[in-house]
Amino acid sequence: MKIVTAEATVPLFRLDERLMGHVKGILFQSRILVTVPAVADIRQRHPRVPVLEMAGNAVLRVQRVAGFLEARLVETKHGVPFLRKVVALSPDEPFPHVALADLLQEKDHLPEAGKHLAQAKERIKKDPGLQSYLKAVTTKVHRAEKVEDKFSTHSSVHFTVKYDGGDDPDTWTTVLDILEEAYREIGQKFNFFPSKPIIVVLHTKNQFQGATGSPGWADGLFDPVLGRIQIPTQGAATDRAWLTRVLRHEFVHALIHEELRATGGMIPTWLNEGLAMQLAGDSWQEVTSVTPGEHSLVPLTALEGSWESLPAEKVSLAYREANAATHYLIERFGMHKVHEVLVHLKARQTIAAAMQDRLLLSYDHFQQQWADSLGSTLAQPKS
């Protein structure tokens, strides 16, 4: 089983001082709460902003970066109406349209999300990064809207399944049962639960790769742009063990994505995949099952970026190494320390800085000690 996590860099909702004035006015009028990481700094710079820290009830997280106030909306009942007010006050600003589209697509309101993406595109002038992002997201939203147009929907407490209504209904009921069990078990292990229902899309065998853009070797996908799990249904009704492994694995990716939010790109792929395998209970062939001396371990630094371009024959080794390295990390330091590392990644630290800070161990020494524990060596990076 090989599973891929879609790559995405989601831009923050960037506010200039003029637009922030509109936002402050709306906050005063609607009494919407704001969570600010650098509370003292923001209070000093903007003493009239109603800065309140209240876990689970915030709609905006704001921090000052490079002369701008960067904000990230968090899903609450206030989020969509709040942004609609911002759009109404500043219709020519592209960023509120982007942020509103982000929330709408998470709610599966794809047609309206597409409209706001189009409006944002019309208003962008000189921001290549945002132009690239908009192009990628717009493609995904329109593709999902087209593929899922006639899909049926069924929901449980924590998940919404979308599927081809002509498929066997036993499949989606089984999917919901597996996911609700994963929600309880894995959420407790990870000490984190999603704040909103997760959308799960079941594709036919012929649809999956074209609908998701995933590589041919992938058995499942968590897409952080659309915020949904996507899997093919072939064999799902007859192989519950396969279905359970894929769904649990992708659910962990969904948890990590929500925990890290906009900084999700900071987590190395080897750790993201390793945590998914360890927490989901995937049974993967260990690296040590390869004959000693047959190969050297690929340095983890080479497995930090996307694996989508890896040749199929190297994908399995990448997953096995990720599983083994993460198992060693958890066994030696405990899940609590691993979670502290994730918190530092969320604060935009590198994995090297996070390990040094929380584990008191350099990244290089961690890799070497992990390799020593397996009786292996690390391959030298190519010059």
Protein backbone atom coordinates (compact mmCIF):
# COMPACT_ATOMS: atom_id res chain seq x y z
CA MET A 1 0.00 0.00 0.00
CA LYS A 2 1.38 3.37 -1.02
CA ILE A 3 -0.33 6.61 -0.08
CA VAL A 4 0.46 10.17 -1.03
CA THR A 5 -0.29 13.51 0.57
CA ALA A 6 -0.97 16.30 -1.91
CA GLU A 7 1.42 19.22 -1.76
CA ALA A 8 0.11 22.74 -1.22
CA THR A 9 1.35 26.04 0.09
CA VAL A 10 -1.68 27.96 1.31
CA PRO A 11 -1.03 31.70 1.50
CA LEU A 12 -2.12 33.51 4.60
CA PHE A 13 -4.80 36.16 4.51
CA ARG A 14 -2.53 39.20 4.26
CA LEU A 15 -3.91 42.54 5.41
CA ASP A 16 -2.47 45.97 4.80
CA GLU A 17 -3.13 48.75 7.31
CA ARG A 18 -6.12 50.11 5.38
CA LEU A 19 -7.86 46.74 5.11
CA MET A 20 -7.01 46.00 8.73
CA GLY A 21 -9.01 49.12 9.60
CA HIS A 22 -12.06 47.55 7.98
CA VAL A 23 -11.40 44.28 9.81
CA LYS A 24 -11.13 46.06 13.16
CA GLY A 25 -14.44 47.79 12.53
CA ILE A 26 -16.16 44.50 11.79
CA LEU A 27 -14.64 42.93 14.89
CA PHE A 28 -15.98 45.75 17.05
CA GLN A 29 -19.43 45.51 15.48
CA SER A 30 -19.81 41.72 15.63
CA ARG A 31 -17.77 41.03 18.78
CA ILE A 32 -15.83 38.32 16.93
CA LEU A 33 -12.89 37.02 18.93
CA VAL A 34 -9.27 37.16 17.76
CA THR A 35 -6.35 34.98 18.77
CA VAL A 36 -2.92 36.56 18.32
CA PRO A 37 0.37 34.63 18.76
CA ALA A 38 2.42 37.74 19.48
CA VAL A 39 -0.19 39.28 21.78
CA ALA A 40 2.06 41.89 23.42
CA ASP A 41 3.47 43.08 20.11
CA ILE A 42 0.09 43.42 18.41
CA ARG A 43 -1.45 45.11 21.43
CA GLN A 44 1.36 47.66 21.40
CA ARG A 45 1.01 48.35 17.70
CA HIS A 46 -2.80 48.20 17.63
CA PRO A 47 -4.05 49.00 21.13
CA ARG A 48 -7.67 49.31 20.02
CA VAL A 49 -7.92 45.83 18.50
CA PRO A 50 -10.02 43.57 20.79
CA VAL A 51 -7.34 40.92 21.29
CA LEU A 52 -8.74 37.96 23.18
CA GLU A 53 -7.25 34.48 23.45
CA MET A 54 -9.95 31.85 23.74
CA ALA A 55 -9.18 28.32 22.55
CA GLY A 56 -11.75 26.85 20.20
CA ASN A 57 -13.70 30.07 19.68
CA ALA A 58 -11.39 32.21 17.55
CA VAL A 59 -11.96 33.16 13.95
CA LEU A 60 -8.70 34.93 13.25
CA ARG A 61 -5.06 34.45 14.19
CA VAL A 62 -2.95 37.49 13.41
CA GLN A 63 0.77 38.16 13.43
CA ARG A 64 2.98 40.87 11.97
CA VAL A 65 5.33 39.59 9.26
CA ALA A 66 7.45 41.73 6.95
CA GLY A 67 5.39 44.86 7.58
CA PHE A 68 2.03 43.16 7.06
CA LEU A 69 -0.53 41.75 9.41
CA GLU A 70 -0.91 38.10 8.42
CA ALA A 71 -4.12 36.42 9.44
CA ARG A 72 -5.42 32.87 9.23
CA LEU A 73 -9.09 32.13 9.65
CA VAL A 74 -10.13 29.26 11.87
CA GLU A 75 -13.39 27.45 11.26
CA THR A 76 -16.22 28.72 13.43
CA LYS A 77 -19.80 29.72 12.80
CA HIS A 78 -18.55 33.32 12.45
CA GLY A 79 -15.95 32.71 9.74
CA VAL A 80 -17.98 32.90 6.51
CA PRO A 81 -20.26 35.82 7.49
CA PHE A 82 -17.23 37.69 8.83
CA LEU A 83 -15.37 37.37 5.55
CA ARG A 84 -18.44 38.29 3.52
CA LYS A 85 -18.51 41.57 5.44
CA VAL A 86 -14.81 42.15 4.66
CA VAL A 87 -15.45 41.41 0.96
CA ALA A 88 -18.41 43.80 0.92
CA LEU A 89 -16.32 46.59 2.43
CA SER A 90 -13.25 45.96 0.24
CA PRO A 91 -14.48 44.17 -2.91
CA ASP A 92 -11.34 44.99 -4.90
CA GLU A 93 -8.96 43.34 -2.40
CA PRO A 94 -8.01 39.82 -3.61
CA PHE A 95 -7.05 38.36 -0.24
CA PRO A 96 -10.50 38.33 1.42
CA HIS A 97 -11.82 36.49 -1.65
CA VAL A 98 -9.05 33.89 -1.29
CA ALA A 99 -9.71 33.42 2.42
CA LEU A 100 -13.47 33.15 1.87
CA ALA A 101 -12.96 30.59 -0.91
CA ASP A 102 -10.75 28.62 1.48
CA LEU A 103 -13.54 28.37 4.05
CA LEU A 104 -16.26 27.70 1.47
CA GLN A 105 -14.46 24.78 -0.15
CA GLU A 106 -13.85 23.26 3.29
CA LYS A 107 -17.64 23.38 3.72
CA ASP A 108 -17.99 21.71 0.31
CA HIS A 109 -19.57 24.84 -1.23
CA LEU A 110 -17.46 24.42 -4.36
CA PRO A 111 -19.42 26.59 -6.86
CA GLU A 112 -19.32 29.66 -4.58
CA ALA A 113 -15.67 29.01 -3.72
CA GLY A 114 -14.88 28.95 -7.43
CA LYS A 115 -16.59 32.31 -7.93
CA HIS A 116 -14.49 33.98 -5.23
CA LEU A 117 -11.30 32.44 -6.62
CA ALA A 118 -12.19 33.91 -10.01
CA GLN A 119 -12.83 37.32 -8.43
CA ALA A 120 -9.49 37.15 -6.61
CA LYS A 121 -7.71 36.27 -9.85
CA GLU A 122 -9.16 39.33 -11.55
CA ARG A 123 -7.84 41.58 -8.76
CA ILE A 124 -4.27 40.27 -8.52
CA LYS A 125 -1.62 42.47 -10.09
CA LYS A 126 1.97 41.74 -9.08
CA ASP A 127 2.02 38.72 -6.80
CA PRO A 128 3.42 35.68 -8.67
CA GLY A 129 3.19 33.51 -5.56
CA LEU A 130 -0.50 34.12 -5.09
CA GLN A 131 -1.13 33.82 -8.83
CA SER A 132 0.44 30.36 -8.81
CA TYR A 133 -1.55 29.35 -5.75
CA LEU A 134 -4.83 30.60 -7.24
CA LYS A 135 -4.21 28.70 -10.45
CA ALA A 136 -3.57 25.45 -8.58
CA VAL A 137 -6.53 25.84 -6.22
CA THR A 138 -8.92 26.94 -8.97
CA THR A 139 -7.98 23.85 -10.99
CA LYS A 140 -8.63 21.59 -8.00
CA VAL A 141 -11.95 23.24 -7.09
CA HIS A 142 -13.31 23.11 -10.65
CA ARG A 143 -12.12 19.52 -11.11
CA ALA A 144 -13.76 18.43 -7.87
CA GLU A 145 -16.96 20.31 -8.72
CA LYS A 146 -17.16 18.54 -12.08
CA VAL A 147 -16.34 15.05 -10.79
CA GLU A 148 -18.53 15.24 -7.69
CA ASP A 149 -21.49 17.03 -9.27
CA LYS A 150 -23.84 14.02 -9.08
CA PHE A 151 -22.29 12.34 -6.05
CA SER A 152 -24.51 11.35 -3.15
CA THR A 153 -23.65 12.43 0.39
CA HIS A 154 -24.00 10.66 3.71
CA SER A 155 -22.71 11.88 7.08
CA SER A 156 -21.86 10.65 10.55
CA VAL A 157 -20.96 12.82 13.53
CA HIS A 158 -17.40 13.59 12.41
CA PHE A 159 -17.27 12.68 8.70
CA THR A 160 -19.11 13.34 5.44
CA VAL A 161 -18.77 10.75 2.69
CA LYS A 162 -19.36 11.66 -0.94
CA TYR A 163 -19.73 8.79 -3.39
CA ASP A 164 -21.16 7.70 -6.72
CA GLY A 165 -24.77 6.87 -5.86
CA GLY A 166 -24.65 3.86 -8.16
CA ASP A 167 -22.01 2.15 -6.04
CA ASP A 168 -22.71 -0.41 -3.34
CA PRO A 169 -24.14 1.48 -0.31
CA ASP A 170 -22.41 -0.99 2.01
CA THR A 171 -19.12 0.69 1.11
CA TRP A 172 -19.90 4.14 2.51
CA THR A 173 -21.45 2.73 5.68
CA THR A 174 -18.29 0.68 6.21
CA VAL A 175 -16.15 3.77 5.54
CA LEU A 176 -17.99 5.78 8.19
CA ASP A 177 -17.69 2.96 10.74
CA ILE A 178 -13.93 2.68 10.17
CA LEU A 179 -13.39 6.43 10.37
CA GLU A 180 -15.42 6.94 13.54
CA GLU A 181 -13.35 4.26 15.24
CA ALA A 182 -10.17 5.92 13.95
CA TYR A 183 -11.42 9.28 15.25
CA ARG A 184 -11.67 7.93 18.78
CA GLU A 185 -8.55 5.76 18.84
CA ILE A 186 -6.06 7.86 16.87
CA GLY A 187 -7.35 11.16 18.26
CA GLN A 188 -6.55 9.90 21.76
CA LYS A 189 -3.07 8.75 20.71
CA PHE A 190 -2.33 12.07 19.04
CA ASN A 191 -4.09 14.07 21.75
CA PHE A 192 -5.84 16.12 19.09
CA PHE A 193 -9.26 15.96 17.43
CA PRO A 194 -10.54 17.74 14.29
CA SER A 195 -12.59 20.87 14.93
CA LYS A 196 -14.99 20.17 12.06
CA PRO A 197 -16.27 17.21 10.00
CA ILE A 198 -13.84 15.82 7.43
CA ILE A 199 -15.02 15.20 3.86
CA VAL A 200 -14.16 11.80 2.37
CA VAL A 201 -14.61 11.25 -1.38
CA LEU A 202 -14.93 7.72 -2.77
CA HIS A 203 -13.91 7.47 -6.42
CA THR A 204 -14.39 4.65 -8.88
CA LYS A 205 -11.27 2.92 -10.13
CA ASN A 206 -11.29 4.90 -13.38
CA GLN A 207 -11.92 8.24 -11.66
CA PHE A 208 -9.38 8.27 -8.86
CA GLN A 209 -6.13 9.21 -10.58
CA GLY A 210 -7.71 11.67 -13.00
CA ALA A 211 -9.86 13.30 -10.32
CA THR A 212 -7.03 13.75 -7.83
CA GLY A 213 -3.92 14.12 -9.98
CA SER A 214 -2.19 11.55 -7.79
CA PRO A 215 0.69 9.37 -9.03
CA GLY A 216 -0.12 5.91 -10.35
CA TRP A 217 1.35 4.16 -7.30
CA ALA A 218 -0.91 5.94 -4.78
CA ASP A 219 -3.65 4.00 -2.96
CA GLY A 220 -5.15 7.05 -1.26
CA LEU A 221 -4.78 10.79 -0.87
CA PHE A 222 -5.29 13.55 1.65
CA ASP A 223 -5.56 16.86 -0.19
CA PRO A 224 -4.72 19.81 2.12
CA VAL A 225 -6.01 22.35 -0.39
CA LEU A 226 -9.52 20.87 -0.49
CA GLY A 227 -9.18 19.48 3.03
CA ARG A 228 -10.54 16.07 2.11
CA ILE A 229 -9.58 12.41 2.03
CA GLN A 230 -9.88 10.79 -1.38
CA ILE A 231 -9.65 7.07 -2.08
CA PRO A 232 -10.51 4.65 -4.90
CA THR A 233 -13.27 2.16 -4.07
CA GLN A 234 -12.01 -0.80 -6.06
CA GLY A 235 -11.67 -3.72 -3.67
CA ALA A 236 -13.08 -1.72 -0.77
CA ALA A 237 -16.12 -3.96 -0.35
CA THR A 238 -14.08 -7.18 -0.43
CA ASP A 239 -10.89 -6.13 1.36
CA ARG A 240 -11.80 -4.40 4.61
CA ALA A 241 -8.22 -4.68 5.89
CA TRP A 242 -6.94 -2.63 2.91
CA LEU A 243 -9.74 -0.09 3.30
CA THR A 244 -9.06 0.26 7.03
CA ARG A 245 -5.32 0.86 6.51
CA VAL A 246 -5.89 3.51 3.84
CA LEU A 247 -8.58 5.40 5.75
CA ARG A 248 -6.70 5.39 9.06
CA HIS A 249 -3.50 6.52 7.33
CA GLU A 250 -5.24 9.42 5.58
CA PHE A 251 -7.09 10.39 8.75
CA VAL A 252 -3.72 10.92 10.48
CA HIS A 253 -2.68 13.22 7.63
CA ALA A 254 -5.91 15.17 8.13
CA LEU A 255 -5.15 15.50 11.86
CA ILE A 256 -1.58 16.70 11.24
CA HIS A 257 -2.79 19.17 8.63
CA GLU A 258 -5.32 20.74 11.00
CA GLU A 259 -2.83 20.78 13.88
CA LEU A 260 -0.21 22.60 11.79
CA ARG A 261 -2.68 24.56 9.63
CA ALA A 262 -1.01 27.10 7.31
CA THR A 263 2.49 25.94 8.29
CA GLY A 264 1.81 22.33 7.27
CA GLY A 265 4.52 22.59 4.64
CA MET A 266 7.13 22.82 7.41
CA ILE A 267 6.77 19.16 8.40
CA PRO A 268 9.19 16.89 6.51
CA THR A 269 7.46 14.28 4.36
CA TRP A 270 9.31 11.45 6.14
CA LEU A 271 7.86 12.55 9.49
CA ASN A 272 4.40 13.21 8.07
CA GLU A 273 4.27 9.74 6.50
CA GLY A 274 6.00 8.08 9.44
CA LEU A 275 3.47 9.46 11.92
CA ALA A 276 0.64 8.34 9.65
CA MET A 277 2.01 4.79 9.62
CA GLN A 278 2.83 4.67 13.33
CA LEU A 279 -0.44 6.16 14.59
CA ALA A 280 -2.60 4.30 12.09
CA GLY A 281 -0.92 0.99 12.92
CA ASP A 282 0.24 0.27 9.36
CA SER A 283 2.16 -2.97 9.02
CA TRP A 284 5.13 -2.13 6.83
CA GLN A 285 8.18 -4.22 6.09
CA GLU A 286 10.98 -2.91 8.30
CA VAL A 287 14.17 -1.52 6.83
CA THR A 288 16.08 -4.12 8.81
CA SER A 289 14.36 -6.89 6.83
CA VAL A 290 16.74 -6.05 4.00
CA THR A 291 19.96 -8.04 4.15
CA PRO A 292 22.57 -6.07 6.18
CA GLY A 293 25.08 -4.41 3.93
CA GLU A 294 22.74 -4.63 0.93
CA HIS A 295 22.08 -0.91 0.99
CA SER A 296 22.80 2.26 2.90
CA LEU A 297 20.01 4.33 4.36
CA VAL A 298 18.94 7.38 2.42
CA PRO A 299 19.54 10.44 4.66
CA LEU A 300 16.29 11.80 6.04
CA THR A 301 17.23 15.22 4.66
CA ALA A 302 16.69 13.72 1.19
CA LEU A 303 13.18 12.60 2.16
CA GLU A 304 11.89 15.95 3.42
CA GLY A 305 10.27 17.19 0.20
CA SER A 306 7.54 15.78 -2.02
CA TRP A 307 7.75 12.11 -2.98
CA GLU A 308 5.38 12.40 -5.92
CA SER A 309 8.24 12.44 -8.43
CA LEU A 310 10.04 9.44 -6.89
CA PRO A 311 10.27 6.40 -9.18
CA ALA A 312 7.97 3.59 -8.07
CA GLU A 313 10.86 1.31 -7.09
CA LYS A 314 12.14 3.89 -4.56
CA VAL A 315 8.78 4.77 -3.03
CA SER A 316 8.59 1.62 -0.89
CA LEU A 317 12.06 2.24 0.56
CA ALA A 318 11.11 5.84 1.36
CA TYR A 319 8.03 4.67 3.27
CA ARG A 320 9.96 1.97 5.11
CA GLU A 321 12.65 4.43 6.18
CA ALA A 322 10.03 6.97 7.27
CA ASN A 323 8.28 4.30 9.32
CA ALA A 324 11.50 3.10 10.94
CA ALA A 325 12.82 6.61 11.72
CA THR A 326 9.52 7.73 13.24
CA HIS A 327 9.23 4.52 15.26
CA TYR A 328 12.72 5.18 16.67
CA LEU A 329 11.79 8.81 17.40
CA ILE A 330 8.65 7.82 19.33
CA GLU A 331 10.27 4.90 21.16
CA ARG A 332 13.24 6.96 22.31
CA PHE A 333 11.59 10.29 23.17
CA GLY A 334 7.90 9.51 23.59
CA MET A 335 4.86 10.88 21.77
CA HIS A 336 4.73 13.92 24.05
CA LYS A 337 8.14 15.11 22.86
CA VAL A 338 7.22 14.38 19.25
CA HIS A 339 4.18 16.59 19.70
CA GLU A 340 6.42 19.35 21.07
CA VAL A 341 8.50 19.09 17.89
CA LEU A 342 5.31 19.53 15.86
CA VAL A 343 4.41 22.62 17.88
CA HIS A 344 7.79 24.14 16.96
CA LEU A 345 7.23 23.25 13.29
CA LYS A 346 3.89 25.05 13.56
CA ALA A 347 5.85 28.09 14.76
CA ARG A 348 7.82 27.89 11.47
CA GLN A 349 10.97 26.37 12.87
CA THR A 350 12.90 23.89 10.74
CA ILE A 351 12.98 20.24 11.77
CA ALA A 352 16.66 20.70 12.70
CA ALA A 353 15.88 23.65 15.01
CA ALA A 354 12.84 21.89 16.49
CA MET A 355 14.84 18.74 17.33
CA GLN A 356 17.68 20.73 18.86
CA ASP A 357 15.24 22.77 20.93
CA ARG A 358 12.92 20.02 22.17
CA LEU A 359 15.08 16.86 22.01
CA LEU A 360 18.43 18.50 22.81
CA LEU A 361 19.85 16.56 19.89
CA SER A 362 21.02 17.78 16.51
CA TYR A 363 19.25 16.53 13.39
CA ASP A 364 22.50 14.98 12.14
CA HIS A 365 23.08 13.13 15.41
CA PHE A 366 19.49 11.86 15.41
CA GLN A 367 19.95 10.42 11.93
CA GLN A 368 23.26 8.83 12.85
CA GLN A 369 21.92 7.30 16.07
CA TRP A 370 18.88 5.98 14.23
CA ALA A 371 21.11 4.38 11.57
CA ASP A 372 23.34 2.89 14.31
CA SER A 373 20.26 1.37 15.99
CA LEU A 374 19.58 -0.52 12.76
CA GLY A 375 23.20 -1.53 12.25
CA SER A 376 23.22 0.48 9.02
CA THR A 377 25.05 3.42 7.56
CA LEU A 378 23.80 6.62 5.98
CA ALA A 379 24.50 7.07 2.31
CA GLN A 380 26.66 10.08 1.54
CA PRO A 381 24.74 12.85 -0.22
CA LYS A 382 25.69 13.31 -3.86
CA SER A 383 27.87 16.34 -4.48
